[in-house]
Amino acid sequence: METFWSGKKRQMLDVFGPWTPVDIAPNRDCTLPTPLVLVEDILECNFEWTADGTMPYDIFDCLRPDHKIDVTGLSTSLTHRGNLYRSYALLRGQGAG
């Protein structure tokens, strides 16, 4: 989360930043459950990640019209890359209105 004042920053999940797999190598004694995802819980699939590991803007663009999820709001885009996406969406006329 970006803040323009001094003090402790709250930690916020940044969906606009790089996505990385969980690395459990240091904790080899840890066993994770088998992931089970229901088909109806998957919003988008079969897309290519950008070179820096971020989700492409095309995926964020389809969230609002296809799934009624607006990620341009200030409560979800208070990160550097979130601000970049919000500006991009607003310039394209897709921002929250």
PDB file of N, CA and C in Angstrom:
ATOM      1  N   MET A   1       0.847  -1.168   0.000  1.00  0.00           N
ATOM      2  CA  MET A   1       0.000   0.000   0.000  1.00  0.00           C
ATOM      3  C   MET A   1       0.889   1.227   0.000  1.00  0.00           C
ATOM      4  N   GLU A   2       0.587   2.181  -0.836  1.00  0.00           N
ATOM      5  CA  GLU A   2       1.343   3.416  -0.859  1.00  0.00           C
ATOM      6  C   GLU A   2       0.718   4.415   0.092  1.00  0.00           C
ATOM      7  N   THR A   3       1.557   5.063   0.865  1.00  0.00           N
ATOM      8  CA  THR A   3       1.095   6.172   1.684  1.00  0.00           C
ATOM      9  C   THR A   3       2.062   7.319   1.477  1.00  0.00           C
ATOM     10  N   PHE A   4       1.572   8.511   1.586  1.00  0.00           N
ATOM     11  CA  PHE A   4       2.395   9.681   1.360  1.00  0.00           C
ATOM     12  C   PHE A   4       2.665  10.416   2.660  1.00  0.00           C
ATOM     13  N   TRP A   5       2.585   9.713   3.772  1.00  0.00           N
ATOM     14  CA  TRP A   5       2.894  10.281   5.070  1.00  0.00           C
ATOM     15  C   TRP A   5       3.817   9.309   5.806  1.00  0.00           C
ATOM     16  N   SER A   6       4.488   9.810   6.820  1.00  0.00           N
ATOM     17  CA  SER A   6       5.413   8.947   7.545  1.00  0.00           C
ATOM     18  C   SER A   6       4.646   8.027   8.476  1.00  0.00           C
ATOM     19  N   GLY A   7       5.317   7.014   8.948  1.00  0.00           N
ATOM     20  CA  GLY A   7       4.684   6.069   9.860  1.00  0.00           C
ATOM     21  C   GLY A   7       4.620   4.692   9.246  1.00  0.00           C
ATOM     22  N   LYS A   8       4.086   3.760  10.014  1.00  0.00           N
ATOM     23  CA  LYS A   8       4.005   2.366   9.575  1.00  0.00           C
ATOM     24  C   LYS A   8       2.958   2.201   8.470  1.00  0.00           C
ATOM     25  N   LYS A   9       3.351   1.535   7.417  1.00  0.00           N
ATOM     26  CA  LYS A   9       2.427   1.254   6.321  1.00  0.00           C
ATOM     27  C   LYS A   9       1.679  -0.032   6.622  1.00  0.00           C
ATOM     28  N   ARG A  10       0.399  -0.036   6.321  1.00  0.00           N
ATOM     29  CA  ARG A  10      -0.361  -1.281   6.449  1.00  0.00           C
ATOM     30  C   ARG A  10       0.061  -2.217   5.336  1.00  0.00           C
ATOM     31  N   GLN A  11       0.010  -3.499   5.626  1.00  0.00           N
ATOM     32  CA  GLN A  11       0.313  -4.465   4.589  1.00  0.00           C
ATOM     33  C   GLN A  11      -0.955  -4.749   3.809  1.00  0.00           C
ATOM     34  N   MET A  12      -0.837  -4.703   2.497  1.00  0.00           N
ATOM     35  CA  MET A  12      -1.984  -4.907   1.623  1.00  0.00           C
ATOM     36  C   MET A  12      -1.581  -5.854   0.502  1.00  0.00           C
ATOM     37  N   LEU A  13      -2.431  -6.786   0.202  1.00  0.00           N
ATOM     38  CA  LEU A  13      -2.194  -7.693  -0.911  1.00  0.00           C
ATOM     39  C   LEU A  13      -2.168  -6.887  -2.200  1.00  0.00           C
ATOM     40  N   ASP A  14      -1.122  -7.047  -2.970  1.00  0.00           N
ATOM     41  CA  ASP A  14      -0.968  -6.299  -4.215  1.00  0.00           C
ATOM     42  C   ASP A  14      -1.224  -7.230  -5.394  1.00  0.00           C
ATOM     43  N   VAL A  15      -2.446  -7.241  -5.903  1.00  0.00           N
ATOM     44  CA  VAL A  15      -2.772  -8.105  -7.040  1.00  0.00           C
ATOM     45  C   VAL A  15      -2.131  -7.599  -8.325  1.00  0.00           C
ATOM     46  N   PHE A  16      -1.659  -6.345  -8.316  1.00  0.00           N
ATOM     47  CA  PHE A  16      -1.039  -5.761  -9.499  1.00  0.00           C
ATOM     48  C   PHE A  16       0.454  -6.045  -9.570  1.00  0.00           C
ATOM     49  N   GLY A  17       1.049  -6.528  -8.481  1.00  0.00           N
ATOM     50  CA  GLY A  17       2.477  -6.831  -8.438  1.00  0.00           C
ATOM     51  C   GLY A  17       2.775  -8.219  -8.977  1.00  0.00           C
ATOM     52  N   PRO A  18       4.040  -8.617  -8.922  1.00  0.00           N
ATOM     53  CA  PRO A  18       4.412  -9.949  -9.413  1.00  0.00           C
ATOM     54  C   PRO A  18       3.784 -11.062  -8.588  1.00  0.00           C
ATOM     55  N   TRP A  19       3.375 -12.096  -9.255  1.00  0.00           N
ATOM     56  CA  TRP A  19       2.828 -13.295  -8.610  1.00  0.00           C
ATOM     57  C   TRP A  19       3.940 -14.333  -8.636  1.00  0.00           C
ATOM     58  N   THR A  20       4.216 -14.941  -7.510  1.00  0.00           N
ATOM     59  CA  THR A  20       5.267 -15.950  -7.431  1.00  0.00           C
ATOM     60  C   THR A  20       4.730 -17.190  -6.735  1.00  0.00           C
ATOM     61  N   PRO A  21       5.253 -18.351  -7.101  1.00  0.00           N
ATOM     62  CA  PRO A  21       4.810 -19.576  -6.422  1.00  0.00           C
ATOM     63  C   PRO A  21       5.343 -19.621  -4.992  1.00  0.00           C
ATOM     64  N   VAL A  22       4.659 -20.357  -4.155  1.00  0.00           N
ATOM     65  CA  VAL A  22       5.086 -20.534  -2.776  1.00  0.00           C
ATOM     66  C   VAL A  22       6.319 -21.423  -2.763  1.00  0.00           C
ATOM     67  N   ASP A  23       7.352 -20.994  -2.062  1.00  0.00           N
ATOM     68  CA  ASP A  23       8.578 -21.778  -1.957  1.00  0.00           C
ATOM     69  C   ASP A  23       8.660 -22.352  -0.546  1.00  0.00           C
ATOM     70  N   ILE A  24       8.541 -23.672  -0.430  1.00  0.00           N
ATOM     71  CA  ILE A  24       8.598 -24.290   0.900  1.00  0.00           C
ATOM     72  C   ILE A  24       9.893 -25.053   1.110  1.00  0.00           C
ATOM     73  N   ALA A  25      10.894 -24.816   0.258  1.00  0.00           N
ATOM     74  CA  ALA A  25      12.161 -25.535   0.370  1.00  0.00           C
ATOM     75  C   ALA A  25      12.793 -25.405   1.757  1.00  0.00           C
ATOM     76  N   PRO A  26      12.821 -24.220   2.392  1.00  0.00           N
ATOM     77  CA  PRO A  26      13.420 -24.142   3.724  1.00  0.00           C
ATOM     78  C   PRO A  26      12.647 -24.951   4.768  1.00  0.00           C
ATOM     79  N   ASN A  27      11.387 -25.212   4.526  1.00  0.00           N
ATOM     80  CA  ASN A  27      10.538 -25.936   5.474  1.00  0.00           C
ATOM     81  C   ASN A  27      10.144 -27.294   4.898  1.00  0.00           C
ATOM     82  N   ARG A  28      11.100 -28.130   4.667  1.00  0.00           N
ATOM     83  CA  ARG A  28      10.821 -29.428   4.029  1.00  0.00           C
ATOM     84  C   ARG A  28       9.941 -30.334   4.878  1.00  0.00           C
ATOM     85  N   ASP A  29       9.836 -30.047   6.161  1.00  0.00           N
ATOM     86  CA  ASP A  29       8.970 -30.853   7.015  1.00  0.00           C
ATOM     87  C   ASP A  29       7.505 -30.485   6.833  1.00  0.00           C
ATOM     88  N   CYS A  30       7.262 -29.412   6.131  1.00  0.00           N
ATOM     89  CA  CYS A  30       5.906 -28.924   5.917  1.00  0.00           C
ATOM     90  C   CYS A  30       5.293 -29.657   4.720  1.00  0.00           C
ATOM     91  N   THR A  31       4.076 -30.112   4.880  1.00  0.00           N
ATOM     92  CA  THR A  31       3.355 -30.696   3.755  1.00  0.00           C
ATOM     93  C   THR A  31       2.083 -29.902   3.541  1.00  0.00           C
ATOM     94  N   LEU A  32       1.876 -29.505   2.317  1.00  0.00           N
ATOM     95  CA  LEU A  32       0.695 -28.729   1.966  1.00  0.00           C
ATOM     96  C   LEU A  32      -0.405 -29.659   1.471  1.00  0.00           C
ATOM     97  N   PRO A  33      -1.652 -29.304   1.709  1.00  0.00           N
ATOM     98  CA  PRO A  33      -2.745 -30.126   1.180  1.00  0.00           C
ATOM     99  C   PRO A  33      -2.810 -30.003  -0.341  1.00  0.00           C
ATOM    100  N   THR A  34      -3.387 -30.997  -0.963  1.00  0.00           N
ATOM    101  CA  THR A  34      -3.573 -30.951  -2.404  1.00  0.00           C
ATOM    102  C   THR A  34      -4.538 -29.813  -2.737  1.00  0.00           C
ATOM    103  N   PRO A  35      -4.141 -28.923  -3.643  1.00  0.00           N
ATOM    104  CA  PRO A  35      -5.046 -27.820  -3.971  1.00  0.00           C
ATOM    105  C   PRO A  35      -6.264 -28.328  -4.748  1.00  0.00           C
ATOM    106  N   LEU A  36      -7.404 -27.873  -4.335  1.00  0.00           N
ATOM    107  CA  LEU A  36      -8.642 -28.238  -5.006  1.00  0.00           C
ATOM    108  C   LEU A  36      -9.401 -26.953  -5.289  1.00  0.00           C
ATOM    109  N   VAL A  37      -9.587 -26.656  -6.544  1.00  0.00           N
ATOM    110  CA  VAL A  37     -10.286 -25.450  -6.950  1.00  0.00           C
ATOM    111  C   VAL A  37     -11.481 -25.865  -7.794  1.00  0.00           C
ATOM    112  N   LEU A  38     -12.636 -25.411  -7.401  1.00  0.00           N
ATOM    113  CA  LEU A  38     -13.837 -25.718  -8.178  1.00  0.00           C
ATOM    114  C   LEU A  38     -13.850 -24.893  -9.456  1.00  0.00           C
ATOM    115  N   VAL A  39     -14.333 -25.485 -10.522  1.00  0.00           N
ATOM    116  CA  VAL A  39     -14.348 -24.817 -11.820  1.00  0.00           C
ATOM    117  C   VAL A  39     -15.107 -23.485 -11.739  1.00  0.00           C
ATOM    118  N   GLU A  40     -16.191 -23.444 -10.989  1.00  0.00           N
ATOM    119  CA  GLU A  40     -16.978 -22.205 -10.919  1.00  0.00           C
ATOM    120  C   GLU A  40     -16.275 -21.096 -10.141  1.00  0.00           C
ATOM    121  N   ASP A  41     -15.193 -21.419  -9.421  1.00  0.00           N
ATOM    122  CA  ASP A  41     -14.418 -20.407  -8.694  1.00  0.00           C
ATOM    123  C   ASP A  41     -13.321 -19.779  -9.549  1.00  0.00           C
ATOM    124  N   ILE A  42     -13.094 -20.301 -10.744  1.00  0.00           N
ATOM    125  CA  ILE A  42     -12.055 -19.770 -11.628  1.00  0.00           C
ATOM    126  C   ILE A  42     -12.675 -18.669 -12.484  1.00  0.00           C
ATOM    127  N   LEU A  43     -12.114 -17.477 -12.380  1.00  0.00           N
ATOM    128  CA  LEU A  43     -12.652 -16.350 -13.150  1.00  0.00           C
ATOM    129  C   LEU A  43     -12.075 -16.298 -14.554  1.00  0.00           C
ATOM    130  N   GLU A  44     -10.763 -16.406 -14.684  1.00  0.00           N
ATOM    131  CA  GLU A  44     -10.103 -16.352 -15.990  1.00  0.00           C
ATOM    132  C   GLU A  44      -8.985 -17.387 -16.013  1.00  0.00           C
ATOM    133  N   CYS A  45      -8.700 -17.917 -17.179  1.00  0.00           N
ATOM    134  CA  CYS A  45      -7.621 -18.899 -17.306  1.00  0.00           C
ATOM    135  C   CYS A  45      -7.021 -18.803 -18.698  1.00  0.00           C
ATOM    136  N   ASN A  46      -5.962 -19.575 -18.904  1.00  0.00           N
ATOM    137  CA  ASN A  46      -5.281 -19.643 -20.199  1.00  0.00           C
ATOM    138  C   ASN A  46      -4.807 -18.284 -20.692  1.00  0.00           C
ATOM    139  N   PHE A  47      -4.024 -17.616 -19.851  1.00  0.00           N
ATOM    140  CA  PHE A  47      -3.413 -16.356 -20.258  1.00  0.00           C
ATOM    141  C   PHE A  47      -1.928 -16.419 -19.954  1.00  0.00           C
ATOM    142  N   GLU A  48      -1.175 -15.563 -20.615  1.00  0.00           N
ATOM    143  CA  GLU A  48       0.268 -15.502 -20.426  1.00  0.00           C
ATOM    144  C   GLU A  48       0.606 -14.398 -19.428  1.00  0.00           C
ATOM    145  N   TRP A  49       1.454 -14.712 -18.455  1.00  0.00           N
ATOM    146  CA  TRP A  49       1.940 -13.707 -17.505  1.00  0.00           C
ATOM    147  C   TRP A  49       2.886 -12.767 -18.236  1.00  0.00           C
ATOM    148  N   THR A  50       3.013 -11.539 -17.761  1.00  0.00           N
ATOM    149  CA  THR A  50       3.965 -10.611 -18.365  1.00  0.00           C
ATOM    150  C   THR A  50       5.375 -11.059 -18.012  1.00  0.00           C
ATOM    151  N   ALA A  51       6.367 -10.438 -18.625  1.00  0.00           N
ATOM    152  CA  ALA A  51       7.768 -10.814 -18.403  1.00  0.00           C
ATOM    153  C   ALA A  51       8.196 -10.627 -16.952  1.00  0.00           C
ATOM    154  N   ASP A  52       7.598  -9.666 -16.246  1.00  0.00           N
ATOM    155  CA  ASP A  52       7.990  -9.427 -14.852  1.00  0.00           C
ATOM    156  C   ASP A  52       7.099 -10.175 -13.858  1.00  0.00           C
ATOM    157  N   GLY A  53       6.267 -11.103 -14.342  1.00  0.00           N
ATOM    158  CA  GLY A  53       5.464 -11.937 -13.460  1.00  0.00           C
ATOM    159  C   GLY A  53       4.168 -11.316 -12.994  1.00  0.00           C
ATOM    160  N   THR A  54       3.744 -10.245 -13.636  1.00  0.00           N
ATOM    161  CA  THR A  54       2.480  -9.612 -13.266  1.00  0.00           C
ATOM    162  C   THR A  54       1.368 -10.082 -14.198  1.00  0.00           C
ATOM    163  N   MET A  55       0.148  -9.884 -13.752  1.00  0.00           N
ATOM    164  CA  MET A  55      -1.002 -10.258 -14.555  1.00  0.00           C
ATOM    165  C   MET A  55      -1.196  -9.193 -15.645  1.00  0.00           C
ATOM    166  N   PRO A  56      -1.479  -9.591 -16.867  1.00  0.00           N
ATOM    167  CA  PRO A  56      -1.660  -8.604 -17.935  1.00  0.00           C
ATOM    168  C   PRO A  56      -2.922  -7.761 -17.710  1.00  0.00           C
ATOM    169  N   TYR A  57      -2.865  -6.525 -18.182  1.00  0.00           N
ATOM    170  CA  TYR A  57      -4.006  -5.614 -18.030  1.00  0.00           C
ATOM    171  C   TYR A  57      -5.275  -6.170 -18.656  1.00  0.00           C
ATOM    172  N   ASP A  58      -5.148  -6.986 -19.707  1.00  0.00           N
ATOM    173  CA  ASP A  58      -6.333  -7.560 -20.355  1.00  0.00           C
ATOM    174  C   ASP A  58      -7.178  -8.358 -19.361  1.00  0.00           C
ATOM    175  N   ILE A  59      -6.531  -9.034 -18.429  1.00  0.00           N
ATOM    176  CA  ILE A  59      -7.263  -9.822 -17.434  1.00  0.00           C
ATOM    177  C   ILE A  59      -8.014  -8.898 -16.486  1.00  0.00           C
ATOM    178  N   PHE A  60      -7.348  -7.841 -16.011  1.00  0.00           N
ATOM    179  CA  PHE A  60      -8.036  -6.879 -15.145  1.00  0.00           C
ATOM    180  C   PHE A  60      -9.170  -6.195 -15.902  1.00  0.00           C
ATOM    181  N   ASP A  61      -8.969  -5.944 -17.204  1.00  0.00           N
ATOM    182  CA  ASP A  61     -10.003  -5.282 -18.013  1.00  0.00           C
ATOM    183  C   ASP A  61     -11.280  -6.111 -18.099  1.00  0.00           C
ATOM    184  N   CYS A  62     -11.175  -7.428 -18.120  1.00  0.00           N
ATOM    185  CA  CYS A  62     -12.382  -8.251 -18.261  1.00  0.00           C
ATOM    186  C   CYS A  62     -13.056  -8.521 -16.917  1.00  0.00           C
ATOM    187  N   LEU A  63     -12.413  -8.228 -15.807  1.00  0.00           N
ATOM    188  CA  LEU A  63     -13.044  -8.481 -14.511  1.00  0.00           C
ATOM    189  C   LEU A  63     -14.311  -7.660 -14.314  1.00  0.00           C
ATOM    190  N   ARG A  64     -14.297  -6.410 -14.701  1.00  0.00           N
ATOM    191  CA  ARG A  64     -15.459  -5.537 -14.456  1.00  0.00           C
ATOM    192  C   ARG A  64     -16.674  -5.914 -15.315  1.00  0.00           C
ATOM    193  N   PRO A  65     -16.546  -5.982 -16.629  1.00  0.00           N
ATOM    194  CA  PRO A  65     -17.749  -6.317 -17.412  1.00  0.00           C
ATOM    195  C   PRO A  65     -18.183  -7.774 -17.296  1.00  0.00           C
ATOM    196  N   ASP A  66     -17.235  -8.695 -17.180  1.00  0.00           N
ATOM    197  CA  ASP A  66     -17.578 -10.120 -17.175  1.00  0.00           C
ATOM    198  C   ASP A  66     -17.938 -10.659 -15.799  1.00  0.00           C
ATOM    199  N   HIS A  67     -17.306 -10.102 -14.741  1.00  0.00           N
ATOM    200  CA  HIS A  67     -17.484 -10.663 -13.404  1.00  0.00           C
ATOM    201  C   HIS A  67     -17.963  -9.645 -12.370  1.00  0.00           C
ATOM    202  N   LYS A  68     -18.205  -8.416 -12.809  1.00  0.00           N
ATOM    203  CA  LYS A  68     -18.690  -7.335 -11.924  1.00  0.00           C
ATOM    204  C   LYS A  68     -17.724  -7.068 -10.770  1.00  0.00           C
ATOM    205  N   ILE A  69     -16.404  -7.137 -11.052  1.00  0.00           N
ATOM    206  CA  ILE A  69     -15.374  -6.836 -10.071  1.00  0.00           C
ATOM    207  C   ILE A  69     -14.582  -5.638 -10.581  1.00  0.00           C
ATOM    208  N   ASP A  70     -14.639  -4.529  -9.856  1.00  0.00           N
ATOM    209  CA  ASP A  70     -13.938  -3.317 -10.276  1.00  0.00           C
ATOM    210  C   ASP A  70     -12.679  -3.159  -9.427  1.00  0.00           C
ATOM    211  N   VAL A  71     -11.505  -3.321 -10.040  1.00  0.00           N
ATOM    212  CA  VAL A  71     -10.250  -3.193  -9.306  1.00  0.00           C
ATOM    213  C   VAL A  71      -9.625  -1.815  -9.469  1.00  0.00           C
ATOM    214  N   THR A  72     -10.369  -0.864 -10.030  1.00  0.00           N
ATOM    215  CA  THR A  72      -9.830   0.488 -10.168  1.00  0.00           C
ATOM    216  C   THR A  72     -10.118   1.346  -8.955  1.00  0.00           C
ATOM    217  N   GLY A  73     -10.926   0.857  -8.017  1.00  0.00           N
ATOM    218  CA  GLY A  73     -11.252   1.634  -6.828  1.00  0.00           C
ATOM    219  C   GLY A  73     -10.041   1.847  -5.935  1.00  0.00           C
ATOM    220  N   LEU A  74     -10.029   2.947  -5.204  1.00  0.00           N
ATOM    221  CA  LEU A  74      -8.891   3.268  -4.350  1.00  0.00           C
ATOM    222  C   LEU A  74      -8.640   2.227  -3.279  1.00  0.00           C
ATOM    223  N   SER A  75      -9.665   1.520  -2.837  1.00  0.00           N
ATOM    224  CA  SER A  75      -9.450   0.528  -1.784  1.00  0.00           C
ATOM    225  C   SER A  75      -8.700  -0.697  -2.296  1.00  0.00           C
ATOM    226  N   THR A  76      -8.664  -0.915  -3.610  1.00  0.00           N
ATOM    227  CA  THR A  76      -7.964  -2.081  -4.145  1.00  0.00           C
ATOM    228  C   THR A  76      -6.710  -1.731  -4.935  1.00  0.00           C
ATOM    229  N   SER A  77      -6.495  -0.467  -5.240  1.00  0.00           N
ATOM    230  CA  SER A  77      -5.362  -0.121  -6.106  1.00  0.00           C
ATOM    231  C   SER A  77      -4.424   0.887  -5.454  1.00  0.00           C
ATOM    232  N   LEU A  78      -4.239   0.797  -4.150  1.00  0.00           N
ATOM    233  CA  LEU A  78      -3.372   1.745  -3.446  1.00  0.00           C
ATOM    234  C   LEU A  78      -1.903   1.332  -3.485  1.00  0.00           C
ATOM    235  N   THR A  79      -1.464   0.745  -4.573  1.00  0.00           N
ATOM    236  CA  THR A  79      -0.068   0.389  -4.751  1.00  0.00           C
ATOM    237  C   THR A  79       0.433   1.105  -5.996  1.00  0.00           C
ATOM    238  N   HIS A  80       1.728   1.102  -6.188  1.00  0.00           N
ATOM    239  CA  HIS A  80       2.288   1.787  -7.356  1.00  0.00           C
ATOM    240  C   HIS A  80       1.715   1.228  -8.653  1.00  0.00           C
ATOM    241  N   ARG A  81       1.753  -0.088  -8.797  1.00  0.00           N
ATOM    242  CA  ARG A  81       1.231  -0.689 -10.030  1.00  0.00           C
ATOM    243  C   ARG A  81      -0.284  -0.580 -10.109  1.00  0.00           C
ATOM    244  N   GLY A  82      -0.953  -0.564  -8.962  1.00  0.00           N
ATOM    245  CA  GLY A  82      -2.392  -0.342  -8.948  1.00  0.00           C
ATOM    246  C   GLY A  82      -2.742   1.040  -9.460  1.00  0.00           C
ATOM    247  N   ASN A  83      -1.949   2.034  -9.067  1.00  0.00           N
ATOM    248  CA  ASN A  83      -2.158   3.397  -9.574  1.00  0.00           C
ATOM    249  C   ASN A  83      -1.939   3.455 -11.078  1.00  0.00           C
ATOM    250  N   LEU A  84      -0.928   2.749 -11.559  1.00  0.00           N
ATOM    251  CA  LEU A  84      -0.678   2.717 -13.003  1.00  0.00           C
ATOM    252  C   LEU A  84      -1.856   2.096 -13.748  1.00  0.00           C
ATOM    253  N   TYR A  85      -2.384   0.984 -13.216  1.00  0.00           N
ATOM    254  CA  TYR A  85      -3.521   0.350 -13.879  1.00  0.00           C
ATOM    255  C   TYR A  85      -4.762   1.250 -13.825  1.00  0.00           C
ATOM    256  N   ARG A  86      -5.010   1.880 -12.684  1.00  0.00           N
ATOM    257  CA  ARG A  86      -6.176   2.761 -12.566  1.00  0.00           C
ATOM    258  C   ARG A  86      -6.103   3.893 -13.594  1.00  0.00           C
ATOM    259  N   SER A  87      -4.914   4.484 -13.753  1.00  0.00           N
ATOM    260  CA  SER A  87      -4.747   5.547 -14.752  1.00  0.00           C
ATOM    261  C   SER A  87      -4.995   5.006 -16.155  1.00  0.00           C
ATOM    262  N   TYR A  88      -4.454   3.836 -16.430  1.00  0.00           N
ATOM    263  CA  TYR A  88      -4.655   3.195 -17.735  1.00  0.00           C
ATOM    264  C   TYR A  88      -6.146   2.968 -18.003  1.00  0.00           C
ATOM    265  N   ALA A  89      -6.847   2.429 -17.005  1.00  0.00           N
ATOM    266  CA  ALA A  89      -8.281   2.127 -17.173  1.00  0.00           C
ATOM    267  C   ALA A  89      -9.100   3.401 -17.333  1.00  0.00           C
ATOM    268  N   LEU A  90      -8.762   4.419 -16.562  1.00  0.00           N
ATOM    269  CA  LEU A  90      -9.512   5.677 -16.660  1.00  0.00           C
ATOM    270  C   LEU A  90      -9.294   6.336 -18.009  1.00  0.00           C
ATOM    271  N   LEU A  91      -8.073   6.263 -18.540  1.00  0.00           N
ATOM    272  CA  LEU A  91      -7.801   6.835 -19.851  1.00  0.00           C
ATOM    273  C   LEU A  91      -8.539   6.075 -20.966  1.00  0.00           C
ATOM    274  N   ARG A  92      -8.768   4.789 -20.743  1.00  0.00           N
ATOM    275  CA  ARG A  92      -9.513   3.994 -21.716  1.00  0.00           C
ATOM    276  C   ARG A  92     -11.021   4.108 -21.525  1.00  0.00           C
ATOM    277  N   GLY A  93     -11.448   4.796 -20.466  1.00  0.00           N
ATOM    278  CA  GLY A  93     -12.874   4.963 -20.225  1.00  0.00           C
ATOM    279  C   GLY A  93     -13.520   3.789 -19.540  1.00  0.00           C
ATOM    280  N   GLN A  94     -12.723   2.959 -18.817  1.00  0.00           N
ATOM    281  CA  GLN A  94     -13.276   1.778 -18.175  1.00  0.00           C
ATOM    282  C   GLN A  94     -13.301   1.904 -16.662  1.00  0.00           C
ATOM    283  N   GLY A  95     -12.927   3.030 -16.129  1.00  0.00           N
ATOM    284  CA  GLY A  95     -12.843   3.165 -14.669  1.00  0.00           C
ATOM    285  C   GLY A  95     -14.192   3.179 -13.999  1.00  0.00           C
ATOM    286  N   ALA A  96     -14.141   3.140 -12.665  1.00  0.00           N
ATOM    287  CA  ALA A  96     -15.371   3.169 -11.876  1.00  0.00           C
ATOM    288  C   ALA A  96     -16.104   4.462 -12.133  1.00  0.00           C
ATOM    289  N   GLY A  97     -17.360   4.377 -12.243  1.00  0.00           N
ATOM    290  CA  GLY A  97     -18.105   5.576 -12.546  1.00  0.00           C
ATOM    291  C   GLY A  97     -19.406   5.649 -11.818  1.00  0.00           C
TER     292      GLY A  97
END
